[in-house]
Amino acid sequence: MGKLVECIPNFSVSKETNEAVYQGLVDVAKSIPGCMLFDVQSDGNHNRCVFTMVGSPEAIEEAAFQLCRKAMETIDMTKHQGQHPRMGATDVIPFVPTMDMDVAECVELSKRVAKRIWEELRIPSFLYEDSASRPERRNLAACRKGQFEGMPEKLLQEEWAPDYGERKIHPTAGIIAIGARMPLIAYNINLDTSDLEIASKIAKAIRGSSGGFQFCKAIGVMLDERNTAQVSMNLVNYEGTPIYYAFEMVRALADRYGVRIIGSELVGLTPAKALLDCAEYYLKLENFDARRQVMEYHLVGME
């Protein structure tokens, strides 16, 4: 089969807010030979969609660029509103090693894409995570701080020159974070309250930057159409901070405020091991061996 790489670009549009623009991006992703579009998640409250693509390095490199071009042509960030922090029409492009690829190769891939996006589209970018040019840029939240509206001023600060491009954003497409990273789990928990402050307090308590779980990033957001507050998380190392750690801590903190968890959701694809770890924990399985006892592992020829 050869080398495979995963790419999970995030765009500042949703099917709910602009179906034509959303569908245009989907059509581009499906048109690239060698690129498989596995999943698309759209959220109207966040006004954001997340693509999950897998393919050869060459196909994914082309898909990432063409999607960025399409987003630049069809998304105007001066008119964008949404619950989720964002700084560009294409907000973030992560590359994840999947088969016979390592992180170093994904870092080089990210740099090629960032360079081409600047040279051909004139959209600047920060390199983040394993591609970061300096330690403070590893964290996506640090790169995105200020968002689209505050980015022109931020880029004038000495330490925040783009890794590719000039010290000014594209007027309508903004700026992008591009990088290589290990698999990330986007996981959200919904609470039976309309009090956003409660979700924000819980998010602050569990995220690593505030002294919570080391590999958890979290914010509180409001799902307006459901009148529901949500704790929105990225688990950047699901073995260091398993899903069930996050779930149980959110449940305990929610109880403190007199609210309950009414549901949770995974955004995009998730490694099977992360879910099997939850099954092992909640079912209290003894001597569980996923490679030996999960049928699908045998069907795909895993050892």
C-alpha atoms as a PDB file:
ATOM      1  CA  MET A   1       0.000   0.000   0.000  1.00  0.00           C
ATOM      2  CA  GLY A   2       2.914   2.352   0.596  1.00  0.00           C
ATOM      3  CA  LYS A   3       3.121   5.372   2.840  1.00  0.00           C
ATOM      4  CA  LEU A   4      -0.051   6.930   4.215  1.00  0.00           C
ATOM      5  CA  VAL A   5      -0.546  10.210   6.025  1.00  0.00           C
ATOM      6  CA  GLU A   6      -3.639  11.626   7.705  1.00  0.00           C
ATOM      7  CA  CYS A   7      -4.632  15.274   7.390  1.00  0.00           C
ATOM      8  CA  ILE A   8      -7.374  16.947   9.447  1.00  0.00           C
ATOM      9  CA  PRO A   9      -7.845  20.499   8.141  1.00  0.00           C
ATOM     10  CA  ASN A  10     -10.323  22.783   9.946  1.00  0.00           C
ATOM     11  CA  PHE A  11     -12.254  25.425   7.992  1.00  0.00           C
ATOM     12  CA  SER A  12     -14.156  28.450   9.282  1.00  0.00           C
ATOM     13  CA  VAL A  13     -17.509  27.534   7.778  1.00  0.00           C
ATOM     14  CA  SER A  14     -20.234  25.013   8.483  1.00  0.00           C
ATOM     15  CA  LYS A  15     -22.885  23.205   6.481  1.00  0.00           C
ATOM     16  CA  GLU A  16     -25.465  24.852   8.699  1.00  0.00           C
ATOM     17  CA  THR A  17     -24.305  28.420   7.982  1.00  0.00           C
ATOM     18  CA  ASN A  18     -23.319  28.137   4.309  1.00  0.00           C
ATOM     19  CA  GLU A  19     -24.042  24.816   2.647  1.00  0.00           C
ATOM     20  CA  ALA A  20     -22.752  25.912  -0.771  1.00  0.00           C
ATOM     21  CA  VAL A  21     -19.298  26.838   0.551  1.00  0.00           C
ATOM     22  CA  TYR A  22     -19.195  23.705   2.690  1.00  0.00           C
ATOM     23  CA  GLN A  23     -20.090  21.488  -0.264  1.00  0.00           C
ATOM     24  CA  GLY A  24     -17.497  23.195  -2.419  1.00  0.00           C
ATOM     25  CA  LEU A  25     -14.791  22.146   0.027  1.00  0.00           C
ATOM     26  CA  VAL A  26     -16.132  18.584   0.129  1.00  0.00           C
ATOM     27  CA  ASP A  27     -16.069  18.429  -3.679  1.00  0.00           C
ATOM     28  CA  VAL A  28     -12.436  19.563  -3.775  1.00  0.00           C
ATOM     29  CA  ALA A  29     -11.368  16.933  -1.248  1.00  0.00           C
ATOM     30  CA  LYS A  30     -13.114  14.202  -3.245  1.00  0.00           C
ATOM     31  CA  SER A  31     -11.536  15.326  -6.513  1.00  0.00           C
ATOM     32  CA  ILE A  32      -7.898  14.690  -5.594  1.00  0.00           C
ATOM     33  CA  PRO A  33      -6.642  11.281  -6.815  1.00  0.00           C
ATOM     34  CA  GLY A  34      -5.130   9.227  -4.020  1.00  0.00           C
ATOM     35  CA  CYS A  35      -6.883  11.221  -1.291  1.00  0.00           C
ATOM     36  CA  MET A  36      -9.635   9.462   0.653  1.00  0.00           C
ATOM     37  CA  LEU A  37     -12.107  11.698   2.490  1.00  0.00           C
ATOM     38  CA  PHE A  38     -13.002   9.561   5.497  1.00  0.00           C
ATOM     39  CA  ASP A  39     -15.156  11.958   7.478  1.00  0.00           C
ATOM     40  CA  VAL A  40     -16.508  15.508   7.619  1.00  0.00           C
ATOM     41  CA  GLN A  41     -17.861  17.022  10.823  1.00  0.00           C
ATOM     42  CA  SER A  42     -19.775  20.299  10.765  1.00  0.00           C
ATOM     43  CA  ASP A  43     -20.937  22.429  13.672  1.00  0.00           C
ATOM     44  CA  GLY A  44     -23.177  25.450  13.192  1.00  0.00           C
ATOM     45  CA  ASN A  45     -22.492  26.907  16.625  1.00  0.00           C
ATOM     46  CA  HIS A  46     -18.749  26.710  16.102  1.00  0.00           C
ATOM     47  CA  ASN A  47     -19.297  27.751  12.449  1.00  0.00           C
ATOM     48  CA  ARG A  48     -16.563  25.310  11.613  1.00  0.00           C
ATOM     49  CA  CYS A  49     -16.038  22.033   9.776  1.00  0.00           C
ATOM     50  CA  VAL A  50     -13.354  19.400  10.222  1.00  0.00           C
ATOM     51  CA  PHE A  51     -12.204  17.111   7.396  1.00  0.00           C
ATOM     52  CA  THR A  52     -10.423  13.802   7.949  1.00  0.00           C
ATOM     53  CA  MET A  53      -8.427  12.670   4.923  1.00  0.00           C
ATOM     54  CA  VAL A  54      -5.969   9.827   4.420  1.00  0.00           C
ATOM     55  CA  GLY A  55      -3.782   9.176   1.415  1.00  0.00           C
ATOM     56  CA  SER A  56      -0.312   9.134  -0.045  1.00  0.00           C
ATOM     57  CA  PRO A  57       1.930  12.015   1.021  1.00  0.00           C
ATOM     58  CA  GLU A  58       1.764  13.470  -2.482  1.00  0.00           C
ATOM     59  CA  ALA A  59      -2.052  13.302  -2.651  1.00  0.00           C
ATOM     60  CA  ILE A  60      -2.530  14.754   0.809  1.00  0.00           C
ATOM     61  CA  GLU A  61      -0.072  17.553   0.080  1.00  0.00           C
ATOM     62  CA  GLU A  62      -2.050  18.496  -3.020  1.00  0.00           C
ATOM     63  CA  ALA A  63      -5.406  18.167  -1.248  1.00  0.00           C
ATOM     64  CA  ALA A  64      -4.316  20.418   1.615  1.00  0.00           C
ATOM     65  CA  PHE A  65      -3.201  23.131  -0.808  1.00  0.00           C
ATOM     66  CA  GLN A  66      -6.277  22.952  -3.055  1.00  0.00           C
ATOM     67  CA  LEU A  67      -8.632  23.040  -0.067  1.00  0.00           C
ATOM     68  CA  CYS A  68      -6.813  26.083   1.256  1.00  0.00           C
ATOM     69  CA  ARG A  69      -7.197  27.761  -2.137  1.00  0.00           C
ATOM     70  CA  LYS A  70     -10.919  26.987  -2.195  1.00  0.00           C
ATOM     71  CA  ALA A  71     -11.385  28.289   1.347  1.00  0.00           C
ATOM     72  CA  MET A  72      -9.564  31.514   0.437  1.00  0.00           C
ATOM     73  CA  GLU A  73     -11.843  31.995  -2.568  1.00  0.00           C
ATOM     74  CA  THR A  74     -15.115  31.346  -0.743  1.00  0.00           C
ATOM     75  CA  ILE A  75     -14.731  32.277   2.961  1.00  0.00           C
ATOM     76  CA  ASP A  76     -14.514  35.898   4.120  1.00  0.00           C
ATOM     77  CA  MET A  77     -13.199  36.055   7.678  1.00  0.00           C
ATOM     78  CA  THR A  78     -14.272  39.685   8.067  1.00  0.00           C
ATOM     79  CA  LYS A  79     -17.851  38.350   8.161  1.00  0.00           C
ATOM     80  CA  HIS A  80     -17.231  35.184  10.170  1.00  0.00           C
ATOM     81  CA  GLN A  81     -18.758  34.575  13.587  1.00  0.00           C
ATOM     82  CA  GLY A  82     -18.675  31.397  15.670  1.00  0.00           C
ATOM     83  CA  GLN A  83     -18.144  29.966  19.130  1.00  0.00           C
ATOM     84  CA  HIS A  84     -14.818  28.336  18.339  1.00  0.00           C
ATOM     85  CA  PRO A  85     -11.568  30.366  18.353  1.00  0.00           C
ATOM     86  CA  ARG A  86     -10.284  30.894  14.793  1.00  0.00           C
ATOM     87  CA  MET A  87      -7.778  32.977  12.878  1.00  0.00           C
ATOM     88  CA  GLY A  88      -8.188  31.919   9.255  1.00  0.00           C
ATOM     89  CA  ALA A  89     -10.534  30.642   6.564  1.00  0.00           C
ATOM     90  CA  THR A  90      -8.403  27.524   6.713  1.00  0.00           C
ATOM     91  CA  ASP A  91      -7.701  27.687  10.411  1.00  0.00           C
ATOM     92  CA  VAL A  92      -5.387  24.756  10.995  1.00  0.00           C
ATOM     93  CA  ILE A  93      -3.788  21.994   8.895  1.00  0.00           C
ATOM     94  CA  PRO A  94      -2.323  19.126  10.919  1.00  0.00           C
ATOM     95  CA  PHE A  95      -0.510  16.165   9.353  1.00  0.00           C
ATOM     96  CA  VAL A  96      -0.456  12.878  11.278  1.00  0.00           C
ATOM     97  CA  PRO A  97       1.800   9.901  10.430  1.00  0.00           C
ATOM     98  CA  THR A  98      -0.346   6.853   9.664  1.00  0.00           C
ATOM     99  CA  MET A  99       1.485   4.072   7.801  1.00  0.00           C
ATOM    100  CA  ASP A 100       5.236   3.822   7.141  1.00  0.00           C
ATOM    101  CA  MET A 101       5.503   7.547   7.913  1.00  0.00           C
ATOM    102  CA  ASP A 102       7.198   9.172  10.873  1.00  0.00           C
ATOM    103  CA  VAL A 103       6.705  12.577  12.465  1.00  0.00           C
ATOM    104  CA  ALA A 104       9.887  13.953  10.877  1.00  0.00           C
ATOM    105  CA  GLU A 105       8.489  13.254   7.401  1.00  0.00           C
ATOM    106  CA  CYS A 106       5.231  14.948   8.349  1.00  0.00           C
ATOM    107  CA  VAL A 107       7.188  17.972   9.566  1.00  0.00           C
ATOM    108  CA  GLU A 108       8.838  18.303   6.157  1.00  0.00           C
ATOM    109  CA  LEU A 109       5.442  17.864   4.495  1.00  0.00           C
ATOM    110  CA  SER A 110       3.965  20.643   6.620  1.00  0.00           C
ATOM    111  CA  LYS A 111       6.780  23.005   5.660  1.00  0.00           C
ATOM    112  CA  ARG A 112       6.330  22.312   1.954  1.00  0.00           C
ATOM    113  CA  VAL A 113       2.612  23.031   2.176  1.00  0.00           C
ATOM    114  CA  ALA A 114       3.132  26.203   4.229  1.00  0.00           C
ATOM    115  CA  LYS A 115       5.732  27.462   1.727  1.00  0.00           C
ATOM    116  CA  ARG A 116       3.491  26.799  -1.267  1.00  0.00           C
ATOM    117  CA  ILE A 117       0.466  28.418   0.389  1.00  0.00           C
ATOM    118  CA  TRP A 118       2.479  31.574   0.953  1.00  0.00           C
ATOM    119  CA  GLU A 119       4.109  31.650  -2.457  1.00  0.00           C
ATOM    120  CA  GLU A 120       0.936  30.967  -4.456  1.00  0.00           C
ATOM    121  CA  LEU A 121      -1.889  32.240  -2.233  1.00  0.00           C
ATOM    122  CA  ARG A 122      -0.076  34.872  -0.114  1.00  0.00           C
ATOM    123  CA  ILE A 123      -1.551  33.474   3.105  1.00  0.00           C
ATOM    124  CA  PRO A 124       0.966  33.466   5.991  1.00  0.00           C
ATOM    125  CA  SER A 125       1.264  30.655   8.510  1.00  0.00           C
ATOM    126  CA  PHE A 126       2.626  29.632  11.870  1.00  0.00           C
ATOM    127  CA  LEU A 127       4.270  26.216  12.245  1.00  0.00           C
ATOM    128  CA  TYR A 128       2.955  24.456  15.352  1.00  0.00           C
ATOM    129  CA  GLU A 129       3.244  21.214  17.363  1.00  0.00           C
ATOM    130  CA  ASP A 130       6.182  19.079  16.134  1.00  0.00           C
ATOM    131  CA  SER A 131       6.811  21.523  13.264  1.00  0.00           C
ATOM    132  CA  ALA A 132       7.147  24.507  15.604  1.00  0.00           C
ATOM    133  CA  SER A 133      10.136  26.783  15.064  1.00  0.00           C
ATOM    134  CA  ARG A 134      10.249  27.698  18.774  1.00  0.00           C
ATOM    135  CA  PRO A 135       8.799  26.136  21.950  1.00  0.00           C
ATOM    136  CA  GLU A 136       6.015  28.678  22.487  1.00  0.00           C
ATOM    137  CA  ARG A 137       4.577  27.871  19.068  1.00  0.00           C
ATOM    138  CA  ARG A 138       3.976  24.199  19.791  1.00  0.00           C
ATOM    139  CA  ASN A 139       0.670  25.091  21.422  1.00  0.00           C
ATOM    140  CA  LEU A 140      -2.063  25.838  18.882  1.00  0.00           C
ATOM    141  CA  ALA A 141      -3.924  27.999  21.393  1.00  0.00           C
ATOM    142  CA  ALA A 142      -0.866  30.241  21.766  1.00  0.00           C
ATOM    143  CA  CYS A 143      -0.613  30.665  17.990  1.00  0.00           C
ATOM    144  CA  ARG A 144      -4.332  31.386  17.671  1.00  0.00           C
ATOM    145  CA  LYS A 145      -4.540  33.802  20.628  1.00  0.00           C
ATOM    146  CA  GLY A 146      -5.965  37.109  19.453  1.00  0.00           C
ATOM    147  CA  GLN A 147      -7.956  35.366  16.738  1.00  0.00           C
ATOM    148  CA  PHE A 148      -8.556  36.863  13.296  1.00  0.00           C
ATOM    149  CA  GLU A 149      -9.496  40.280  14.615  1.00  0.00           C
ATOM    150  CA  GLY A 150      -6.413  40.689  16.822  1.00  0.00           C
ATOM    151  CA  MET A 151      -3.901  39.034  14.530  1.00  0.00           C
ATOM    152  CA  PRO A 152      -2.726  42.111  12.559  1.00  0.00           C
ATOM    153  CA  GLU A 153      -1.491  43.703  15.780  1.00  0.00           C
ATOM    154  CA  LYS A 154      -0.070  40.421  17.084  1.00  0.00           C
ATOM    155  CA  LEU A 155       2.056  39.874  13.973  1.00  0.00           C
ATOM    156  CA  LEU A 156       3.834  43.157  14.629  1.00  0.00           C
ATOM    157  CA  GLN A 157       5.178  41.829  17.942  1.00  0.00           C
ATOM    158  CA  GLU A 158       8.822  40.813  17.662  1.00  0.00           C
ATOM    159  CA  GLU A 159       8.241  37.182  18.684  1.00  0.00           C
ATOM    160  CA  TRP A 160       5.216  36.590  16.428  1.00  0.00           C
ATOM    161  CA  ALA A 161       6.481  36.962  12.884  1.00  0.00           C
ATOM    162  CA  PRO A 162       4.889  34.236  10.702  1.00  0.00           C
ATOM    163  CA  ASP A 163       7.109  31.269   9.879  1.00  0.00           C
ATOM    164  CA  TYR A 164       6.062  31.720   6.257  1.00  0.00           C
ATOM    165  CA  GLY A 165       4.938  35.078   4.941  1.00  0.00           C
ATOM    166  CA  GLU A 166       4.982  38.708   5.890  1.00  0.00           C
ATOM    167  CA  ARG A 167       3.858  40.367   9.108  1.00  0.00           C
ATOM    168  CA  LYS A 168       0.307  40.860   7.869  1.00  0.00           C
ATOM    169  CA  ILE A 169      -2.658  38.583   7.435  1.00  0.00           C
ATOM    170  CA  HIS A 170      -4.421  37.849   4.190  1.00  0.00           C
ATOM    171  CA  PRO A 171      -7.271  40.419   4.193  1.00  0.00           C
ATOM    172  CA  THR A 172     -10.078  37.831   4.014  1.00  0.00           C
ATOM    173  CA  ALA A 173      -8.381  34.460   4.629  1.00  0.00           C
ATOM    174  CA  GLY A 174      -6.333  35.449   7.683  1.00  0.00           C
ATOM    175  CA  ILE A 175      -3.486  33.191   8.786  1.00  0.00           C
ATOM    176  CA  ILE A 176      -3.088  29.423   9.222  1.00  0.00           C
ATOM    177  CA  ALA A 177      -1.466  27.096  11.747  1.00  0.00           C
ATOM    178  CA  ILE A 178       0.270  24.222   9.940  1.00  0.00           C
ATOM    179  CA  GLY A 179       2.133  21.368  11.552  1.00  0.00           C
ATOM    180  CA  ALA A 180       2.778  17.723  12.258  1.00  0.00           C
ATOM    181  CA  ARG A 181       1.471  15.987  15.340  1.00  0.00           C
ATOM    182  CA  MET A 182       0.523  12.640  16.769  1.00  0.00           C
ATOM    183  CA  PRO A 183      -3.175  11.582  16.753  1.00  0.00           C
ATOM    184  CA  LEU A 184      -5.491  13.951  18.601  1.00  0.00           C
ATOM    185  CA  ILE A 185      -8.980  13.227  19.896  1.00  0.00           C
ATOM    186  CA  ALA A 186     -11.563  16.004  19.615  1.00  0.00           C
ATOM    187  CA  TYR A 187     -14.068  15.225  22.356  1.00  0.00           C
ATOM    188  CA  ASN A 188     -17.006  17.304  23.591  1.00  0.00           C
ATOM    189  CA  ILE A 189     -19.245  16.875  26.642  1.00  0.00           C
ATOM    190  CA  ASN A 190     -22.688  18.489  26.826  1.00  0.00           C
ATOM    191  CA  LEU A 191     -24.189  19.613  30.138  1.00  0.00           C
ATOM    192  CA  ASP A 192     -27.818  20.025  31.167  1.00  0.00           C
ATOM    193  CA  THR A 193     -27.389  23.745  31.733  1.00  0.00           C
ATOM    194  CA  SER A 194     -27.487  26.921  29.674  1.00  0.00           C
ATOM    195  CA  ASP A 195     -24.927  28.539  31.961  1.00  0.00           C
ATOM    196  CA  LEU A 196     -21.788  28.959  29.857  1.00  0.00           C
ATOM    197  CA  GLU A 197     -19.836  30.073  32.908  1.00  0.00           C
ATOM    198  CA  ILE A 198     -20.156  26.583  34.420  1.00  0.00           C
ATOM    199  CA  ALA A 199     -18.748  24.942  31.277  1.00  0.00           C
ATOM    200  CA  SER A 200     -15.926  27.490  31.198  1.00  0.00           C
ATOM    201  CA  LYS A 201     -15.044  26.866  34.835  1.00  0.00           C
ATOM    202  CA  ILE A 202     -14.966  23.113  34.263  1.00  0.00           C
ATOM    203  CA  ALA A 203     -12.809  23.578  31.144  1.00  0.00           C
ATOM    204  CA  LYS A 204     -10.365  25.719  33.079  1.00  0.00           C
ATOM    205  CA  ALA A 205     -10.112  23.093  35.831  1.00  0.00           C
ATOM    206  CA  ILE A 206      -9.283  20.208  33.486  1.00  0.00           C
ATOM    207  CA  ARG A 207      -7.003  21.790  30.876  1.00  0.00           C
ATOM    208  CA  GLY A 208      -3.283  21.373  31.244  1.00  0.00           C
ATOM    209  CA  SER A 209      -2.449  25.064  30.941  1.00  0.00           C
ATOM    210  CA  SER A 210      -4.476  25.744  34.105  1.00  0.00           C
ATOM    211  CA  GLY A 211      -3.025  22.869  36.120  1.00  0.00           C
ATOM    212  CA  GLY A 212      -5.408  20.127  34.987  1.00  0.00           C
ATOM    213  CA  PHE A 213      -4.646  17.138  32.789  1.00  0.00           C
ATOM    214  CA  GLN A 214      -1.333  17.572  31.010  1.00  0.00           C
ATOM    215  CA  PHE A 215      -2.586  16.516  27.583  1.00  0.00           C
ATOM    216  CA  CYS A 216      -6.012  18.175  27.687  1.00  0.00           C
ATOM    217  CA  LYS A 217      -6.985  21.436  26.021  1.00  0.00           C
ATOM    218  CA  ALA A 218     -10.483  22.640  26.878  1.00  0.00           C
ATOM    219  CA  ILE A 219     -12.853  25.577  26.521  1.00  0.00           C
ATOM    220  CA  GLY A 220     -16.507  26.187  27.341  1.00  0.00           C
ATOM    221  CA  VAL A 221     -18.818  26.894  24.400  1.00  0.00           C
ATOM    222  CA  MET A 222     -22.558  27.438  23.987  1.00  0.00           C
ATOM    223  CA  LEU A 223     -24.746  25.322  21.697  1.00  0.00           C
ATOM    224  CA  ASP A 224     -27.337  27.963  20.954  1.00  0.00           C
ATOM    225  CA  GLU A 225     -29.862  25.808  19.102  1.00  0.00           C
ATOM    226  CA  ARG A 226     -29.954  23.398  22.071  1.00  0.00           C
ATOM    227  CA  ASN A 227     -29.537  26.055  24.769  1.00  0.00           C
ATOM    228  CA  THR A 228     -26.811  23.817  26.153  1.00  0.00           C
ATOM    229  CA  ALA A 229     -23.351  24.549  27.522  1.00  0.00           C
ATOM    230  CA  GLN A 230     -20.524  22.331  26.303  1.00  0.00           C
ATOM    231  CA  VAL A 231     -17.018  21.491  27.452  1.00  0.00           C
ATOM    232  CA  SER A 232     -15.067  21.228  24.196  1.00  0.00           C
ATOM    233  CA  MET A 233     -11.749  19.363  24.417  1.00  0.00           C
ATOM    234  CA  ASN A 234      -8.735  18.254  22.461  1.00  0.00           C
ATOM    235  CA  LEU A 235      -6.893  15.311  23.992  1.00  0.00           C
ATOM    236  CA  VAL A 236      -3.458  15.573  22.407  1.00  0.00           C
ATOM    237  CA  ASN A 237      -2.128  12.334  23.938  1.00  0.00           C
ATOM    238  CA  TYR A 238      -4.950   9.879  24.600  1.00  0.00           C
ATOM    239  CA  GLU A 239      -2.696   7.519  26.505  1.00  0.00           C
ATOM    240  CA  GLY A 240      -1.452  10.255  28.835  1.00  0.00           C
ATOM    241  CA  THR A 241      -4.976  11.655  29.264  1.00  0.00           C
ATOM    242  CA  PRO A 242      -7.514   8.950  28.329  1.00  0.00           C
ATOM    243  CA  ILE A 243     -11.070   9.818  27.335  1.00  0.00           C
ATOM    244  CA  TYR A 244     -12.427   8.316  30.526  1.00  0.00           C
ATOM    245  CA  TYR A 245     -10.187  10.558  32.643  1.00  0.00           C
ATOM    246  CA  ALA A 246     -11.766  13.609  31.011  1.00  0.00           C
ATOM    247  CA  PHE A 247     -15.289  12.213  31.248  1.00  0.00           C
ATOM    248  CA  GLU A 248     -15.047  11.313  34.923  1.00  0.00           C
ATOM    249  CA  MET A 249     -13.501  14.614  35.929  1.00  0.00           C
ATOM    250  CA  VAL A 250     -16.093  16.622  34.007  1.00  0.00           C
ATOM    251  CA  ARG A 251     -18.820  14.544  35.653  1.00  0.00           C
ATOM    252  CA  ALA A 252     -17.384  15.186  39.130  1.00  0.00           C
ATOM    253  CA  LEU A 253     -17.007  18.920  38.529  1.00  0.00           C
ATOM    254  CA  ALA A 254     -20.468  19.188  36.966  1.00  0.00           C
ATOM    255  CA  ASP A 255     -21.929  17.552  40.066  1.00  0.00           C
ATOM    256  CA  ARG A 256     -20.302  20.266  42.154  1.00  0.00           C
ATOM    257  CA  TYR A 257     -22.326  22.850  40.229  1.00  0.00           C
ATOM    258  CA  GLY A 258     -25.523  20.807  40.366  1.00  0.00           C
ATOM    259  CA  VAL A 259     -25.593  19.855  36.689  1.00  0.00           C
ATOM    260  CA  ARG A 260     -25.358  16.561  34.815  1.00  0.00           C
ATOM    261  CA  ILE A 261     -23.738  15.271  31.642  1.00  0.00           C
ATOM    262  CA  ILE A 262     -26.437  14.697  29.036  1.00  0.00           C
ATOM    263  CA  GLY A 263     -24.197  13.421  26.265  1.00  0.00           C
ATOM    264  CA  SER A 264     -20.792  13.527  24.638  1.00  0.00           C
ATOM    265  CA  GLU A 265     -19.440  13.377  21.110  1.00  0.00           C
ATOM    266  CA  LEU A 266     -16.333  12.534  19.166  1.00  0.00           C
ATOM    267  CA  VAL A 267     -15.408  14.852  16.294  1.00  0.00           C
ATOM    268  CA  GLY A 268     -13.763  13.106  13.378  1.00  0.00           C
ATOM    269  CA  LEU A 269     -11.948   9.798  13.585  1.00  0.00           C
ATOM    270  CA  THR A 270     -10.586   8.304  16.791  1.00  0.00           C
ATOM    271  CA  PRO A 271      -7.954   5.584  17.316  1.00  0.00           C
ATOM    272  CA  ALA A 272      -9.608   2.277  18.214  1.00  0.00           C
ATOM    273  CA  LYS A 273      -7.320   1.873  21.210  1.00  0.00           C
ATOM    274  CA  ALA A 274      -8.723   5.025  22.808  1.00  0.00           C
ATOM    275  CA  LEU A 275     -12.228   3.526  22.803  1.00  0.00           C
ATOM    276  CA  LEU A 276     -11.027   0.076  23.827  1.00  0.00           C
ATOM    277  CA  ASP A 277      -9.276   1.686  26.798  1.00  0.00           C
ATOM    278  CA  CYS A 278     -12.673   3.096  27.826  1.00  0.00           C
ATOM    279  CA  ALA A 279     -14.309  -0.303  27.467  1.00  0.00           C
ATOM    280  CA  GLU A 280     -11.599  -1.924  29.553  1.00  0.00           C
ATOM    281  CA  TYR A 281     -11.984   0.729  32.252  1.00  0.00           C
ATOM    282  CA  TYR A 282     -15.789   0.836  32.507  1.00  0.00           C
ATOM    283  CA  LEU A 283     -16.348  -2.915  32.098  1.00  0.00           C
ATOM    284  CA  LYS A 284     -13.543  -3.636  34.562  1.00  0.00           C
ATOM    285  CA  LEU A 285     -12.127  -6.206  32.157  1.00  0.00           C
ATOM    286  CA  GLU A 286      -9.457  -8.428  33.615  1.00  0.00           C
ATOM    287  CA  ASN A 287      -6.477  -9.637  31.585  1.00  0.00           C
ATOM    288  CA  PHE A 288      -7.878  -7.909  28.498  1.00  0.00           C
ATOM    289  CA  ASP A 289      -5.741  -8.210  25.376  1.00  0.00           C
ATOM    290  CA  ALA A 290      -7.167  -6.171  22.483  1.00  0.00           C
ATOM    291  CA  ARG A 291      -4.894  -7.702  19.858  1.00  0.00           C
ATOM    292  CA  ARG A 292      -5.972 -11.180  20.859  1.00  0.00           C
ATOM    293  CA  GLN A 293      -9.626 -10.635  21.787  1.00  0.00           C
ATOM    294  CA  VAL A 294     -10.950  -8.014  19.337  1.00  0.00           C
ATOM    295  CA  MET A 295     -12.212  -9.741  16.196  1.00  0.00           C
ATOM    296  CA  GLU A 296     -11.548  -6.857  13.831  1.00  0.00           C
ATOM    297  CA  TYR A 297      -7.859  -6.834  14.687  1.00  0.00           C
ATOM    298  CA  HIS A 298      -7.602 -10.382  13.396  1.00  0.00           C
ATOM    299  CA  LEU A 299      -9.598  -9.539  10.260  1.00  0.00           C
ATOM    300  CA  VAL A 300      -7.162  -6.806   9.233  1.00  0.00           C
ATOM    301  CA  GLY A 301      -4.182  -9.001   9.943  1.00  0.00           C
ATOM    302  CA  MET A 302      -2.878  -7.202  12.994  1.00  0.00           C
ATOM    303  CA  GLU A 303      -0.499  -9.078  15.219  1.00  0.00           C
END
